[in-house]
Amino acid sequence: MIEHQLTVSFISSELENPEPDLVVSFAMSSESDPMTFTNLILLRTPRYEKLRPIEERGVSVSYDGSESEELGYLRQFRLEGKEAHVITDSHHYSLDLHQVEQEDFALMRTVITKMNTDKNFGFIGA
């Protein structure tokens, strides 16, 4: 499993009604250029999920800081205080959330909970 240690600058979460997509995006600024960001994106599209093969259902995880275009699926999301762990079959992202605003943190938890209404992944610290 590939390990990633990331410090999150801010979180953008989308929870719209009716929900075409549920999205949580963790943004990390570059150390060399604080105005350049990479994103770890969790995405679930419940409305269209039943049209996809079973192995492609659930929360997709993509990281634009990765060298590969591999799309993984969320197996576990764990919160430990101001640290989050996003685990797919092949990656473990440890996210430092200390810089994140409390309001954004709360909305992220709400969206992650909504993504998991069918218990598709392990959610610890809910």
C-alpha atoms as a PDB file:
ATOM      1  CA  MET A   1       0.000   0.000   0.000  1.00  0.00           C
ATOM      2  CA  ILE A   2       1.311   3.448  -0.930  1.00  0.00           C
ATOM      3  CA  GLU A   3       1.354   5.930   1.987  1.00  0.00           C
ATOM      4  CA  HIS A   4       0.771   9.671   1.550  1.00  0.00           C
ATOM      5  CA  GLN A   5       1.193  12.315   4.295  1.00  0.00           C
ATOM      6  CA  LEU A   6      -0.622  15.510   3.295  1.00  0.00           C
ATOM      7  CA  THR A   7      -1.389  18.810   5.034  1.00  0.00           C
ATOM      8  CA  VAL A   8      -4.783  20.129   3.973  1.00  0.00           C
ATOM      9  CA  SER A   9      -5.144  23.897   3.458  1.00  0.00           C
ATOM     10  CA  PHE A  10      -8.911  23.850   2.982  1.00  0.00           C
ATOM     11  CA  ILE A  11     -11.848  21.576   2.166  1.00  0.00           C
ATOM     12  CA  SER A  12     -14.581  22.123  -0.385  1.00  0.00           C
ATOM     13  CA  SER A  13     -17.705  19.989   0.042  1.00  0.00           C
ATOM     14  CA  GLU A  14     -20.786  19.822  -2.171  1.00  0.00           C
ATOM     15  CA  LEU A  15     -24.150  18.660  -0.913  1.00  0.00           C
ATOM     16  CA  GLU A  16     -26.923  19.788  -3.217  1.00  0.00           C
ATOM     17  CA  ASN A  17     -30.580  18.859  -3.373  1.00  0.00           C
ATOM     18  CA  PRO A  18     -31.455  16.985  -5.401  1.00  0.00           C
ATOM     19  CA  GLU A  19     -27.981  15.457  -5.116  1.00  0.00           C
ATOM     20  CA  PRO A  20     -26.567  14.725  -8.534  1.00  0.00           C
ATOM     21  CA  ASP A  21     -23.114  14.432  -6.952  1.00  0.00           C
ATOM     22  CA  LEU A  22     -21.661  14.269  -3.461  1.00  0.00           C
ATOM     23  CA  VAL A  23     -18.155  15.723  -3.443  1.00  0.00           C
ATOM     24  CA  VAL A  24     -15.456  16.349  -0.846  1.00  0.00           C
ATOM     25  CA  SER A  25     -12.235  17.910  -2.107  1.00  0.00           C
ATOM     26  CA  PHE A  26      -9.190  18.242   0.143  1.00  0.00           C
ATOM     27  CA  ALA A  27      -6.830  20.956  -1.176  1.00  0.00           C
ATOM     28  CA  MET A  28      -3.118  20.935  -0.381  1.00  0.00           C
ATOM     29  CA  SER A  29      -0.886  23.881  -1.278  1.00  0.00           C
ATOM     30  CA  SER A  30       2.497  23.285  -2.816  1.00  0.00           C
ATOM     31  CA  GLU A  31       5.500  23.957  -0.581  1.00  0.00           C
ATOM     32  CA  SER A  32       7.333  25.611  -3.475  1.00  0.00           C
ATOM     33  CA  ASP A  33       4.345  27.751  -4.544  1.00  0.00           C
ATOM     34  CA  PRO A  34       1.596  28.350  -1.937  1.00  0.00           C
ATOM     35  CA  MET A  35      -0.778  29.484  -4.704  1.00  0.00           C
ATOM     36  CA  THR A  36      -0.605  26.093  -6.442  1.00  0.00           C
ATOM     37  CA  PHE A  37      -2.860  23.338  -5.112  1.00  0.00           C
ATOM     38  CA  THR A  38      -3.286  19.606  -5.544  1.00  0.00           C
ATOM     39  CA  ASN A  39      -6.570  17.929  -4.648  1.00  0.00           C
ATOM     40  CA  LEU A  40      -7.683  14.650  -3.166  1.00  0.00           C
ATOM     41  CA  ILE A  41     -11.270  14.236  -4.357  1.00  0.00           C
ATOM     42  CA  LEU A  42     -13.953  11.908  -3.000  1.00  0.00           C
ATOM     43  CA  LEU A  43     -16.911  11.639  -5.398  1.00  0.00           C
ATOM     44  CA  ARG A  44     -20.159   9.703  -5.307  1.00  0.00           C
ATOM     45  CA  THR A  45     -22.989   9.985  -7.834  1.00  0.00           C
ATOM     46  CA  PRO A  46     -25.904   8.081  -6.255  1.00  0.00           C
ATOM     47  CA  ARG A  47     -28.413   8.894  -8.998  1.00  0.00           C
ATOM     48  CA  TYR A  48     -26.379   7.133 -11.727  1.00  0.00           C
ATOM     49  CA  GLU A  49     -24.641   4.515  -9.630  1.00  0.00           C
ATOM     50  CA  LYS A  50     -27.116   1.738 -10.430  1.00  0.00           C
ATOM     51  CA  LEU A  51     -26.127   2.046 -14.101  1.00  0.00           C
ATOM     52  CA  ARG A  52     -22.496   1.169 -13.326  1.00  0.00           C
ATOM     53  CA  PRO A  53     -21.022  -2.309 -12.801  1.00  0.00           C
ATOM     54  CA  ILE A  54     -21.048  -3.339  -9.112  1.00  0.00           C
ATOM     55  CA  GLU A  55     -17.252  -3.045  -8.802  1.00  0.00           C
ATOM     56  CA  GLU A  56     -17.455   0.604  -9.956  1.00  0.00           C
ATOM     57  CA  ARG A  57     -20.081   1.690  -7.430  1.00  0.00           C
ATOM     58  CA  GLY A  58     -19.299   3.659  -4.312  1.00  0.00           C
ATOM     59  CA  VAL A  59     -17.054   6.621  -3.584  1.00  0.00           C
ATOM     60  CA  SER A  60     -14.294   7.161  -6.137  1.00  0.00           C
ATOM     61  CA  VAL A  61     -11.013   8.619  -4.901  1.00  0.00           C
ATOM     62  CA  SER A  62      -8.639  10.565  -7.136  1.00  0.00           C
ATOM     63  CA  TYR A  63      -5.495  12.508  -6.306  1.00  0.00           C
ATOM     64  CA  ASP A  64      -4.193  14.932  -8.890  1.00  0.00           C
ATOM     65  CA  GLY A  65      -0.809  14.934  -7.164  1.00  0.00           C
ATOM     66  CA  SER A  66      -0.329  11.316  -8.236  1.00  0.00           C
ATOM     67  CA  GLU A  67       1.743  10.290 -11.223  1.00  0.00           C
ATOM     68  CA  SER A  68      -0.854   7.721 -12.252  1.00  0.00           C
ATOM     69  CA  GLU A  69      -4.414   8.278 -13.416  1.00  0.00           C
ATOM     70  CA  GLU A  70      -5.538   5.357 -11.268  1.00  0.00           C
ATOM     71  CA  LEU A  71      -8.993   5.802  -9.796  1.00  0.00           C
ATOM     72  CA  GLY A  72      -9.523   4.030  -6.504  1.00  0.00           C
ATOM     73  CA  TYR A  73     -12.606   3.401  -4.404  1.00  0.00           C
ATOM     74  CA  LEU A  74     -12.985   4.369  -0.777  1.00  0.00           C
ATOM     75  CA  ARG A  75     -12.740   1.393   1.596  1.00  0.00           C
ATOM     76  CA  GLN A  76     -12.388   3.300   4.882  1.00  0.00           C
ATOM     77  CA  PHE A  77     -12.622   6.879   6.112  1.00  0.00           C
ATOM     78  CA  ARG A  78     -11.305   7.410   9.633  1.00  0.00           C
ATOM     79  CA  LEU A  79     -11.330  10.599  11.698  1.00  0.00           C
ATOM     80  CA  GLU A  80      -8.976  10.975  14.652  1.00  0.00           C
ATOM     81  CA  GLY A  81      -9.375  14.498  15.995  1.00  0.00           C
ATOM     82  CA  LYS A  82      -7.990  16.835  13.339  1.00  0.00           C
ATOM     83  CA  GLU A  83      -6.525  14.021  11.259  1.00  0.00           C
ATOM     84  CA  ALA A  84      -8.337  12.003   8.610  1.00  0.00           C
ATOM     85  CA  HIS A  85      -7.339   8.753   6.925  1.00  0.00           C
ATOM     86  CA  VAL A  86      -8.628   7.965   3.439  1.00  0.00           C
ATOM     87  CA  ILE A  87      -7.970   4.336   2.536  1.00  0.00           C
ATOM     88  CA  THR A  88      -8.448   2.703  -0.865  1.00  0.00           C
ATOM     89  CA  ASP A  89      -7.298  -0.740  -2.015  1.00  0.00           C
ATOM     90  CA  SER A  90      -3.849   0.606  -2.911  1.00  0.00           C
ATOM     91  CA  HIS A  91      -3.383   3.958  -1.132  1.00  0.00           C
ATOM     92  CA  HIS A  92      -3.512   5.337   2.403  1.00  0.00           C
ATOM     93  CA  TYR A  93      -3.798   9.123   2.608  1.00  0.00           C
ATOM     94  CA  SER A  94      -3.111  10.616   6.059  1.00  0.00           C
ATOM     95  CA  LEU A  95      -4.536  14.126   6.094  1.00  0.00           C
ATOM     96  CA  ASP A  96      -3.590  16.807   8.621  1.00  0.00           C
ATOM     97  CA  LEU A  97      -6.731  18.970   8.983  1.00  0.00           C
ATOM     98  CA  HIS A  98      -5.463  21.495  11.563  1.00  0.00           C
ATOM     99  CA  GLN A  99      -5.648  24.408   9.081  1.00  0.00           C
ATOM    100  CA  VAL A 100      -9.253  23.654   8.083  1.00  0.00           C
ATOM    101  CA  GLU A 101     -12.062  25.959   9.256  1.00  0.00           C
ATOM    102  CA  GLN A 102     -14.519  24.332  11.686  1.00  0.00           C
ATOM    103  CA  GLU A 103     -17.491  25.054   9.402  1.00  0.00           C
ATOM    104  CA  ASP A 104     -15.774  23.289   6.467  1.00  0.00           C
ATOM    105  CA  PHE A 105     -14.831  20.376   8.744  1.00  0.00           C
ATOM    106  CA  ALA A 106     -18.472  19.981   9.865  1.00  0.00           C
ATOM    107  CA  LEU A 107     -19.808  20.081   6.281  1.00  0.00           C
ATOM    108  CA  MET A 108     -17.199  17.499   5.226  1.00  0.00           C
ATOM    109  CA  ARG A 109     -18.457  15.130   7.959  1.00  0.00           C
ATOM    110  CA  THR A 110     -22.053  15.649   6.796  1.00  0.00           C
ATOM    111  CA  VAL A 111     -21.204  14.873   3.167  1.00  0.00           C
ATOM    112  CA  ILE A 112     -19.079  11.814   4.077  1.00  0.00           C
ATOM    113  CA  THR A 113     -21.983  10.508   6.192  1.00  0.00           C
ATOM    114  CA  LYS A 114     -24.386  11.030   3.268  1.00  0.00           C
ATOM    115  CA  MET A 115     -21.945   9.202   0.949  1.00  0.00           C
ATOM    116  CA  ASN A 116     -22.122   6.196   3.271  1.00  0.00           C
ATOM    117  CA  THR A 117     -25.878   5.762   3.738  1.00  0.00           C
ATOM    118  CA  ASP A 118     -25.542   2.212   2.349  1.00  0.00           C
ATOM    119  CA  LYS A 119     -22.468   1.384   4.508  1.00  0.00           C
ATOM    120  CA  ASN A 120     -20.365   0.969   1.340  1.00  0.00           C
ATOM    121  CA  PHE A 121     -17.172   1.815   3.261  1.00  0.00           C
ATOM    122  CA  GLY A 122     -15.979   1.813   6.836  1.00  0.00           C
ATOM    123  CA  PHE A 123     -16.537   5.147   8.566  1.00  0.00           C
ATOM    124  CA  ILE A 124     -14.779   5.446  11.911  1.00  0.00           C
ATOM    125  CA  GLY A 125     -15.140   8.560  14.026  1.00  0.00           C
ATOM    126  CA  ALA A 126     -18.519   9.519  12.609  1.00  0.00           C
END
